[in-house]
Amino acid sequence: MPKGVDKVKVNVKERVEDEHCDLSLSELTEIPVREIASFKRVTFLDLSSNRLVTLGRNFTTLTRLVKLDLSKNQIRMLPDDFGQLEHLRHLDLYNNSLEHLPLSFGRLSRLRYLDLKGNPLTPAWEKIVGRCSTLKDCQQAAKNTVNVCVNFKSEFVERERLAAAQERQQMAGAGDGDGSTSSNHSTAKANGGGGGEVNSKKSSKANKKSKAKKPGAVNENELSIKPIHAAAAATKTTNQKHNQKKKSSTTQGGNWFATLSGVAFSSLMTFMLLFMVNVLIIYMIMFKNPEIADKLVEYIPHQYRDWILTKTEIFRLRVTDWISEFRTPPEEH
């Protein structure tokens, strides 16, 4: 809590309605985590338009939260274990004082909305998050942030561990150097000027080694930026793979449609061919070989024979009329 600011007490019970807890516009400087946690049905917490600078130590115990509004505060840093809020889907951090986000954001796999407008983010984080000017931008910001933290958390932790190990080695080397210099001074006093020259050469070599290690320290400070640039490249590769999968699916659909159209065309052609053959056979039997037609009629059942004979006779008459009209010259017509 900032100095010179009185702690404001709020009756949380009066602000809870169903799953919603509205503590906005309450001039809060600390979050009443215990009181909020006592209401287990609360999944939407509104803490907007207060005077919060930090979220406190126990805030991440509110693991049931699905929607969290922290907009219009002065929050400078989120807790390192913020990723414990694994059910969080909507996070509004508009108009705060955040410069970076914790790597535990990689655990927020359900996050679908993230608004970070009005925060003095570092250039690397600003490139990842984007403008957040529309709903689609905020959805993309949530996706990008979670992906970056998931992909590079392990690498970042490993680099931090190596940096800490190097610092320890440097401290141990500095301690050994101080002891060696004091012993060298004592030997120099005992041995005279010749020993002093040897000690000065050793000290110059130690200084050169320390200067050579300084660029490594600069690289350690850039750890928070390097993974972020690599994250952009990783997201590009994943998008390219996704586009390739889409193209392959569309080509497969086009091939399937082509095969279906080919099968339909071939079936239609075979049907037309069979129809023409049947018509030709009927014509040959009825007009060229009536004896064969009479023999075929004997095999037809009695209940269907009359109907079939009448239909065939009508068909024969129509065909003969059509042939006679086709053969007569146009003058007789």
Protein backbone atom coordinates (compact mmCIF):
# COMPACT_ATOMS: atom_id res chain seq x y z
CA MET A 1 0.00 0.00 0.00
CA PRO A 2 1.41 3.44 -0.89
CA LYS A 3 2.53 5.65 1.96
CA GLY A 4 0.13 8.29 3.14
CA VAL A 5 -2.96 6.46 1.80
CA ASP A 6 -5.56 5.08 4.18
CA LYS A 7 -6.83 1.56 3.64
CA VAL A 8 -10.40 1.56 2.35
CA LYS A 9 -12.71 -1.15 3.65
CA VAL A 10 -15.53 -2.45 1.48
CA ASN A 11 -18.39 -4.76 2.37
CA VAL A 12 -17.85 -7.44 -0.26
CA LYS A 13 -21.09 -9.23 0.59
CA GLU A 14 -23.11 -6.26 -0.60
CA ARG A 15 -21.21 -6.18 -3.90
CA VAL A 16 -21.75 -9.87 -4.80
CA GLU A 17 -24.63 -10.79 -7.07
CA ASP A 18 -24.79 -14.38 -8.32
CA GLU A 19 -21.41 -15.03 -9.98
CA HIS A 20 -20.47 -11.35 -10.27
CA CYS A 21 -18.48 -9.34 -7.72
CA ASP A 22 -18.35 -5.63 -8.56
CA LEU A 23 -15.70 -3.70 -6.59
CA SER A 24 -15.13 -0.99 -9.17
CA LEU A 25 -14.94 2.71 -8.23
CA SER A 26 -14.21 1.83 -4.60
CA GLU A 27 -10.88 3.69 -4.11
CA LEU A 28 -9.23 0.38 -3.20
CA THR A 29 -5.49 0.21 -2.58
CA GLU A 30 -5.53 -3.45 -1.51
CA ILE A 31 -7.67 -6.33 -2.73
CA PRO A 32 -9.77 -8.10 -0.06
CA VAL A 33 -8.76 -11.55 -1.24
CA ARG A 34 -10.05 -13.48 1.80
CA GLU A 35 -13.50 -11.94 1.61
CA ILE A 36 -13.75 -12.62 -2.14
CA ALA A 37 -12.51 -16.20 -1.76
CA SER A 38 -15.26 -16.91 0.77
CA PHE A 39 -17.81 -16.60 -2.07
CA LYS A 40 -17.00 -19.73 -4.05
CA ARG A 41 -19.58 -19.02 -6.76
CA VAL A 42 -17.85 -15.79 -7.87
CA THR A 43 -16.25 -16.20 -11.33
CA PHE A 44 -16.36 -12.57 -12.55
CA LEU A 45 -14.38 -9.99 -10.54
CA ASP A 46 -14.49 -6.30 -11.45
CA LEU A 47 -11.72 -4.21 -9.85
CA SER A 48 -11.63 -1.41 -12.40
CA SER A 49 -11.16 2.27 -11.58
CA ASN A 50 -9.38 1.84 -8.26
CA ARG A 51 -5.94 2.81 -6.93
CA LEU A 52 -4.27 -0.58 -7.06
CA VAL A 53 -0.49 -0.75 -7.55
CA THR A 54 -0.03 -4.48 -6.95
CA LEU A 55 -2.36 -7.47 -6.66
CA GLY A 56 -0.90 -8.75 -3.42
CA ARG A 57 0.57 -12.11 -2.48
CA ASN A 58 -2.56 -14.24 -2.18
CA PHE A 59 -4.46 -12.99 -5.23
CA THR A 60 -3.62 -16.09 -7.30
CA THR A 61 -5.60 -18.23 -4.84
CA LEU A 62 -8.76 -17.03 -6.63
CA THR A 63 -8.43 -19.87 -9.13
CA ARG A 64 -12.15 -19.95 -9.97
CA LEU A 65 -12.05 -16.63 -11.80
CA VAL A 66 -13.12 -16.75 -15.45
CA LYS A 67 -13.34 -13.01 -16.13
CA LEU A 68 -11.12 -10.38 -14.47
CA ASP A 69 -11.28 -6.61 -15.01
CA LEU A 70 -8.27 -4.67 -13.67
CA SER A 71 -8.53 -1.69 -15.98
CA LYS A 72 -7.86 1.92 -14.95
CA ASN A 73 -5.48 1.25 -12.05
CA GLN A 74 -1.76 1.87 -11.49
CA ILE A 75 -0.60 -1.76 -11.52
CA ARG A 76 3.12 -1.90 -12.25
CA MET A 77 3.76 -5.64 -12.04
CA LEU A 78 1.77 -8.87 -12.04
CA PRO A 79 2.79 -11.69 -9.66
CA ASP A 80 5.10 -14.36 -11.05
CA ASP A 81 2.54 -17.09 -10.27
CA PHE A 82 -0.27 -15.31 -12.14
CA GLY A 83 -0.58 -18.42 -14.34
CA GLN A 84 -2.33 -20.25 -11.48
CA LEU A 85 -5.56 -18.59 -12.67
CA GLU A 86 -5.87 -21.36 -15.27
CA HIS A 87 -9.65 -20.92 -15.76
CA LEU A 88 -9.24 -17.29 -16.84
CA ARG A 89 -10.77 -16.52 -20.26
CA HIS A 90 -11.14 -12.71 -20.20
CA LEU A 91 -8.46 -10.36 -18.80
CA ASP A 92 -8.73 -6.57 -19.04
CA LEU A 93 -5.57 -4.64 -18.08
CA TYR A 94 -6.39 -1.42 -19.92
CA ASN A 95 -4.68 1.78 -18.72
CA ASN A 96 -2.17 0.50 -16.16
CA SER A 97 1.61 0.83 -15.73
CA LEU A 98 2.76 -2.60 -16.91
CA GLU A 99 6.04 -2.91 -18.80
CA HIS A 100 6.17 -6.69 -19.20
CA LEU A 101 4.22 -9.84 -18.35
CA PRO A 102 5.28 -12.91 -16.33
CA LEU A 103 6.19 -16.10 -18.17
CA SER A 104 3.55 -17.97 -16.18
CA PHE A 105 1.05 -16.61 -18.75
CA GLY A 106 1.91 -19.78 -20.65
CA ARG A 107 -0.38 -21.70 -18.28
CA LEU A 108 -3.43 -19.60 -19.24
CA SER A 109 -4.46 -22.00 -22.01
CA ARG A 110 -8.13 -20.90 -21.79
CA LEU A 111 -7.38 -17.18 -22.23
CA ARG A 112 -9.32 -15.78 -25.21
CA TYR A 113 -9.27 -12.00 -24.55
CA LEU A 114 -6.41 -9.75 -23.42
CA ASP A 115 -6.53 -5.93 -23.44
CA LEU A 116 -3.26 -4.11 -22.71
CA LYS A 117 -3.96 -0.69 -24.21
CA GLY A 118 -2.55 2.27 -22.31
CA ASN A 119 0.41 0.37 -20.77
CA PRO A 120 4.09 1.41 -21.23
CA LEU A 121 5.11 -2.01 -22.57
CA THR A 122 8.65 -2.68 -23.75
CA PRO A 123 9.06 -2.69 -27.56
CA ALA A 124 9.34 -6.47 -27.65
CA TRP A 125 6.13 -7.06 -25.69
CA GLU A 126 4.36 -4.32 -27.61
CA LYS A 127 5.21 -6.12 -30.85
CA ILE A 128 3.76 -9.37 -29.52
CA VAL A 129 0.59 -7.91 -28.01
CA GLY A 130 -0.25 -5.52 -30.84
CA ARG A 131 -2.64 -2.58 -30.77
CA CYS A 132 -5.67 -4.21 -29.07
CA SER A 133 -7.93 -1.65 -30.73
CA THR A 134 -10.67 -4.14 -31.70
CA LEU A 135 -12.13 -7.34 -30.31
CA LYS A 136 -10.23 -9.40 -32.87
CA ASP A 137 -6.96 -7.67 -31.91
CA CYS A 138 -7.50 -8.50 -28.23
CA GLN A 139 -8.25 -12.13 -29.08
CA GLN A 140 -5.07 -12.34 -31.15
CA ALA A 141 -3.09 -10.67 -28.35
CA ALA A 142 -4.21 -13.35 -25.89
CA LYS A 143 -3.23 -16.11 -28.32
CA ASN A 144 0.19 -14.62 -29.12
CA THR A 145 1.08 -13.94 -25.49
CA VAL A 146 0.22 -17.45 -24.32
CA ASN A 147 2.11 -19.04 -27.23
CA VAL A 148 5.25 -16.98 -26.59
CA CYS A 149 5.30 -17.79 -22.89
CA VAL A 150 4.69 -21.51 -23.51
CA ASN A 151 7.39 -21.88 -26.17
CA PHE A 152 10.14 -19.95 -24.42
CA LYS A 153 9.60 -20.45 -20.73
CA SER A 154 11.97 -23.40 -20.50
CA GLU A 155 14.64 -21.66 -22.62
CA PHE A 156 14.39 -18.47 -20.58
CA VAL A 157 14.70 -20.35 -17.29
CA GLU A 158 17.74 -22.23 -18.57
CA ARG A 159 19.43 -19.01 -19.64
CA GLU A 160 18.69 -17.40 -16.29
CA ARG A 161 20.21 -20.40 -14.54
CA LEU A 162 23.35 -20.18 -16.67
CA ALA A 163 23.57 -16.43 -16.03
CA ALA A 164 23.33 -16.99 -12.27
CA ALA A 165 26.04 -19.67 -12.48
CA GLN A 166 28.31 -17.29 -14.41
CA GLU A 167 27.75 -14.57 -11.83
CA ARG A 168 28.72 -16.98 -9.06
CA GLN A 169 31.87 -17.94 -10.93
CA GLN A 170 32.74 -14.28 -11.41
CA MET A 171 32.22 -13.58 -7.72
CA ALA A 172 34.34 -16.58 -6.78
CA GLY A 173 37.04 -15.48 -9.26
CA ALA A 174 36.98 -11.94 -7.84
CA GLY A 175 37.45 -13.31 -4.32
CA ASP A 176 40.36 -15.50 -5.42
CA GLY A 177 41.88 -12.52 -7.25
CA ASP A 178 41.76 -10.36 -4.16
CA GLY A 179 43.49 -13.07 -2.13
CA SER A 180 46.12 -13.63 -4.79
CA THR A 181 46.83 -9.90 -5.14
CA SER A 182 47.36 -9.52 -1.41
CA SER A 183 49.70 -12.51 -1.35
CA ASN A 184 51.50 -11.16 -4.41
CA HIS A 185 52.01 -7.80 -2.71
CA SER A 186 53.52 -9.50 0.29
CA THR A 187 55.86 -11.58 -1.86
CA ALA A 188 56.73 -8.49 -3.86
CA LYS A 189 57.80 -6.72 -0.73
CA ALA A 190 59.92 -9.69 0.20
CA ASN A 191 61.45 -10.30 -3.22
CA GLY A 192 61.89 -6.72 -4.41
CA GLY A 193 61.16 -5.07 -7.75
CA GLY A 194 61.43 -8.22 -9.93
CA GLY A 195 58.47 -9.86 -8.24
CA GLY A 196 56.45 -6.66 -8.66
CA GLU A 197 56.75 -6.84 -12.41
CA VAL A 198 55.45 -10.44 -12.44
CA ASN A 199 52.49 -9.49 -10.26
CA SER A 200 51.61 -6.52 -12.49
CA LYS A 201 51.54 -8.87 -15.52
CA LYS A 202 49.17 -11.27 -13.72
CA SER A 203 46.85 -8.44 -12.71
CA SER A 204 46.74 -7.15 -16.30
CA LYS A 205 45.77 -10.65 -17.52
CA ALA A 206 42.99 -10.84 -14.92
CA ASN A 207 41.66 -7.45 -16.06
CA LYS A 208 41.62 -8.62 -19.69
CA LYS A 209 39.59 -11.69 -18.72
CA SER A 210 37.07 -9.59 -16.83
CA LYS A 211 36.72 -7.24 -19.83
CA ALA A 212 36.15 -10.21 -22.11
CA LYS A 213 33.32 -11.40 -19.85
CA LYS A 214 31.45 -8.08 -19.91
CA PRO A 215 29.74 -8.61 -23.31
CA GLY A 216 28.32 -11.83 -21.91
CA ALA A 217 26.69 -9.85 -19.10
CA VAL A 218 25.02 -7.58 -21.68
CA ASN A 219 23.64 -10.63 -23.46
CA GLU A 220 22.19 -11.89 -20.18
CA ASN A 221 20.27 -8.63 -19.79
CA GLU A 222 18.81 -9.12 -23.25
CA LEU A 223 17.28 -12.48 -22.34
CA SER A 224 13.80 -11.02 -22.05
CA ILE A 225 13.96 -9.73 -25.64
CA LYS A 226 15.63 -12.56 -27.53
CA PRO A 227 12.95 -15.20 -26.96
CA ILE A 228 10.29 -12.73 -28.03
CA HIS A 229 11.84 -12.20 -31.46
CA ALA A 230 12.18 -15.94 -31.80
CA ALA A 231 8.53 -16.30 -30.82
CA ALA A 232 7.48 -14.17 -33.77
CA ALA A 233 9.42 -16.48 -36.08
CA ALA A 234 7.85 -19.54 -34.45
CA THR A 235 4.34 -18.15 -34.90
CA LYS A 236 5.11 -17.46 -38.56
CA THR A 237 6.20 -21.06 -39.13
CA THR A 238 3.08 -22.41 -37.42
CA ASN A 239 0.88 -20.17 -39.58
CA GLN A 240 2.66 -21.39 -42.70
CA LYS A 241 2.08 -25.01 -41.71
CA HIS A 242 -1.59 -24.26 -41.05
CA ASN A 243 -1.94 -22.65 -44.49
CA GLN A 244 -0.31 -25.66 -46.14
CA LYS A 245 -2.78 -27.98 -44.42
CA LYS A 246 -5.66 -25.83 -45.66
CA LYS A 247 -4.33 -25.94 -49.23
CA SER A 248 -3.94 -29.72 -49.12
CA SER A 249 -7.51 -30.13 -47.82
CA THR A 250 -8.89 -27.90 -50.61
CA THR A 251 -6.98 -29.85 -53.27
CA GLN A 252 -8.32 -33.10 -51.85
CA GLY A 253 -11.85 -31.70 -52.02
CA GLY A 254 -11.32 -30.63 -55.64
CA ASN A 255 -10.04 -34.11 -56.57
CA TRP A 256 -13.04 -35.72 -54.90
CA PHE A 257 -15.41 -33.48 -56.83
CA ALA A 258 -13.64 -34.29 -60.10
CA THR A 259 -13.94 -38.04 -59.49
CA LEU A 260 -17.65 -37.71 -58.66
CA SER A 261 -18.32 -35.71 -61.83
CA GLY A 262 -16.42 -38.29 -63.91
CA VAL A 263 -18.43 -41.17 -62.42
CA ALA A 264 -21.72 -39.34 -63.03
CA PHE A 265 -20.82 -38.64 -66.67
CA SER A 266 -19.76 -42.24 -67.33
CA SER A 267 -22.97 -43.61 -65.74
CA LEU A 268 -25.09 -41.26 -67.87
CA MET A 269 -23.33 -42.35 -71.05
CA THR A 270 -23.79 -46.06 -70.25
CA PHE A 271 -27.51 -45.44 -69.53
CA MET A 272 -27.99 -43.71 -72.87
CA LEU A 273 -26.14 -46.47 -74.69
CA LEU A 274 -28.26 -49.20 -73.07
CA PHE A 275 -31.43 -47.27 -73.84
CA MET A 276 -30.54 -47.00 -77.52
CA VAL A 277 -29.69 -50.71 -77.67
CA ASN A 278 -33.03 -51.63 -76.09
CA VAL A 279 -34.95 -49.45 -78.52
CA LEU A 280 -33.09 -51.03 -81.44
CA ILE A 281 -33.81 -54.56 -80.19
CA ILE A 282 -37.51 -53.77 -79.73
CA TYR A 283 -37.71 -52.31 -83.21
CA MET A 284 -36.03 -55.34 -84.77
CA ILE A 285 -38.27 -57.79 -82.94
CA MET A 286 -41.56 -55.98 -83.57
CA PHE A 287 -41.13 -54.98 -87.19
CA LYS A 288 -38.61 -57.42 -88.67
CA ASN A 289 -39.35 -60.67 -86.79
CA PRO A 290 -42.98 -60.77 -85.54
CA GLU A 291 -42.69 -64.53 -84.89
CA ILE A 292 -40.10 -63.95 -82.22
CA ALA A 293 -42.39 -61.32 -80.68
CA ASP A 294 -45.29 -63.80 -80.50
CA LYS A 295 -43.09 -66.36 -78.78
CA LEU A 296 -41.97 -63.80 -76.24
CA VAL A 297 -45.58 -62.90 -75.49
CA GLU A 298 -46.32 -66.48 -74.44
CA TYR A 299 -43.87 -66.16 -71.55
CA ILE A 300 -45.65 -63.11 -70.14
CA PRO A 301 -48.12 -63.86 -67.27
CA HIS A 302 -51.83 -63.63 -68.15
CA GLN A 303 -52.64 -60.79 -65.77
CA TYR A 304 -50.01 -58.53 -67.44
CA ARG A 305 -50.27 -59.78 -71.04
CA ASP A 306 -53.19 -57.60 -72.21
CA TRP A 307 -51.75 -54.43 -70.72
CA ILE A 308 -48.31 -55.04 -72.26
CA LEU A 309 -49.80 -55.89 -75.67
CA THR A 310 -51.88 -52.70 -75.76
CA LYS A 311 -48.92 -50.58 -74.79
CA THR A 312 -46.65 -52.21 -77.36
CA GLU A 313 -49.30 -51.84 -80.05
CA ILE A 314 -49.65 -48.13 -79.31
CA PHE A 315 -45.87 -47.79 -79.38
CA ARG A 316 -45.67 -49.65 -82.70
CA LEU A 317 -48.33 -47.46 -84.29
CA ARG A 318 -46.60 -44.30 -83.15
CA VAL A 319 -43.24 -45.49 -84.46
CA THR A 320 -44.71 -46.45 -87.83
CA ASP A 321 -46.42 -43.07 -88.16
CA TRP A 322 -43.20 -41.34 -87.29
CA ILE A 323 -41.22 -43.39 -89.82
CA SER A 324 -43.80 -42.83 -92.56
CA GLU A 325 -43.73 -39.09 -91.94
CA PHE A 326 -39.97 -39.13 -91.98
CA ARG A 327 -39.77 -41.04 -95.28
CA THR A 328 -42.40 -39.04 -97.21
CA PRO A 329 -40.97 -36.09 -99.16
CA PRO A 330 -41.91 -32.58 -98.08
CA GLU A 331 -44.01 -31.96 -101.25
CA GLU A 332 -46.57 -34.64 -100.26
CA HIS A 333 -46.79 -33.12 -96.79
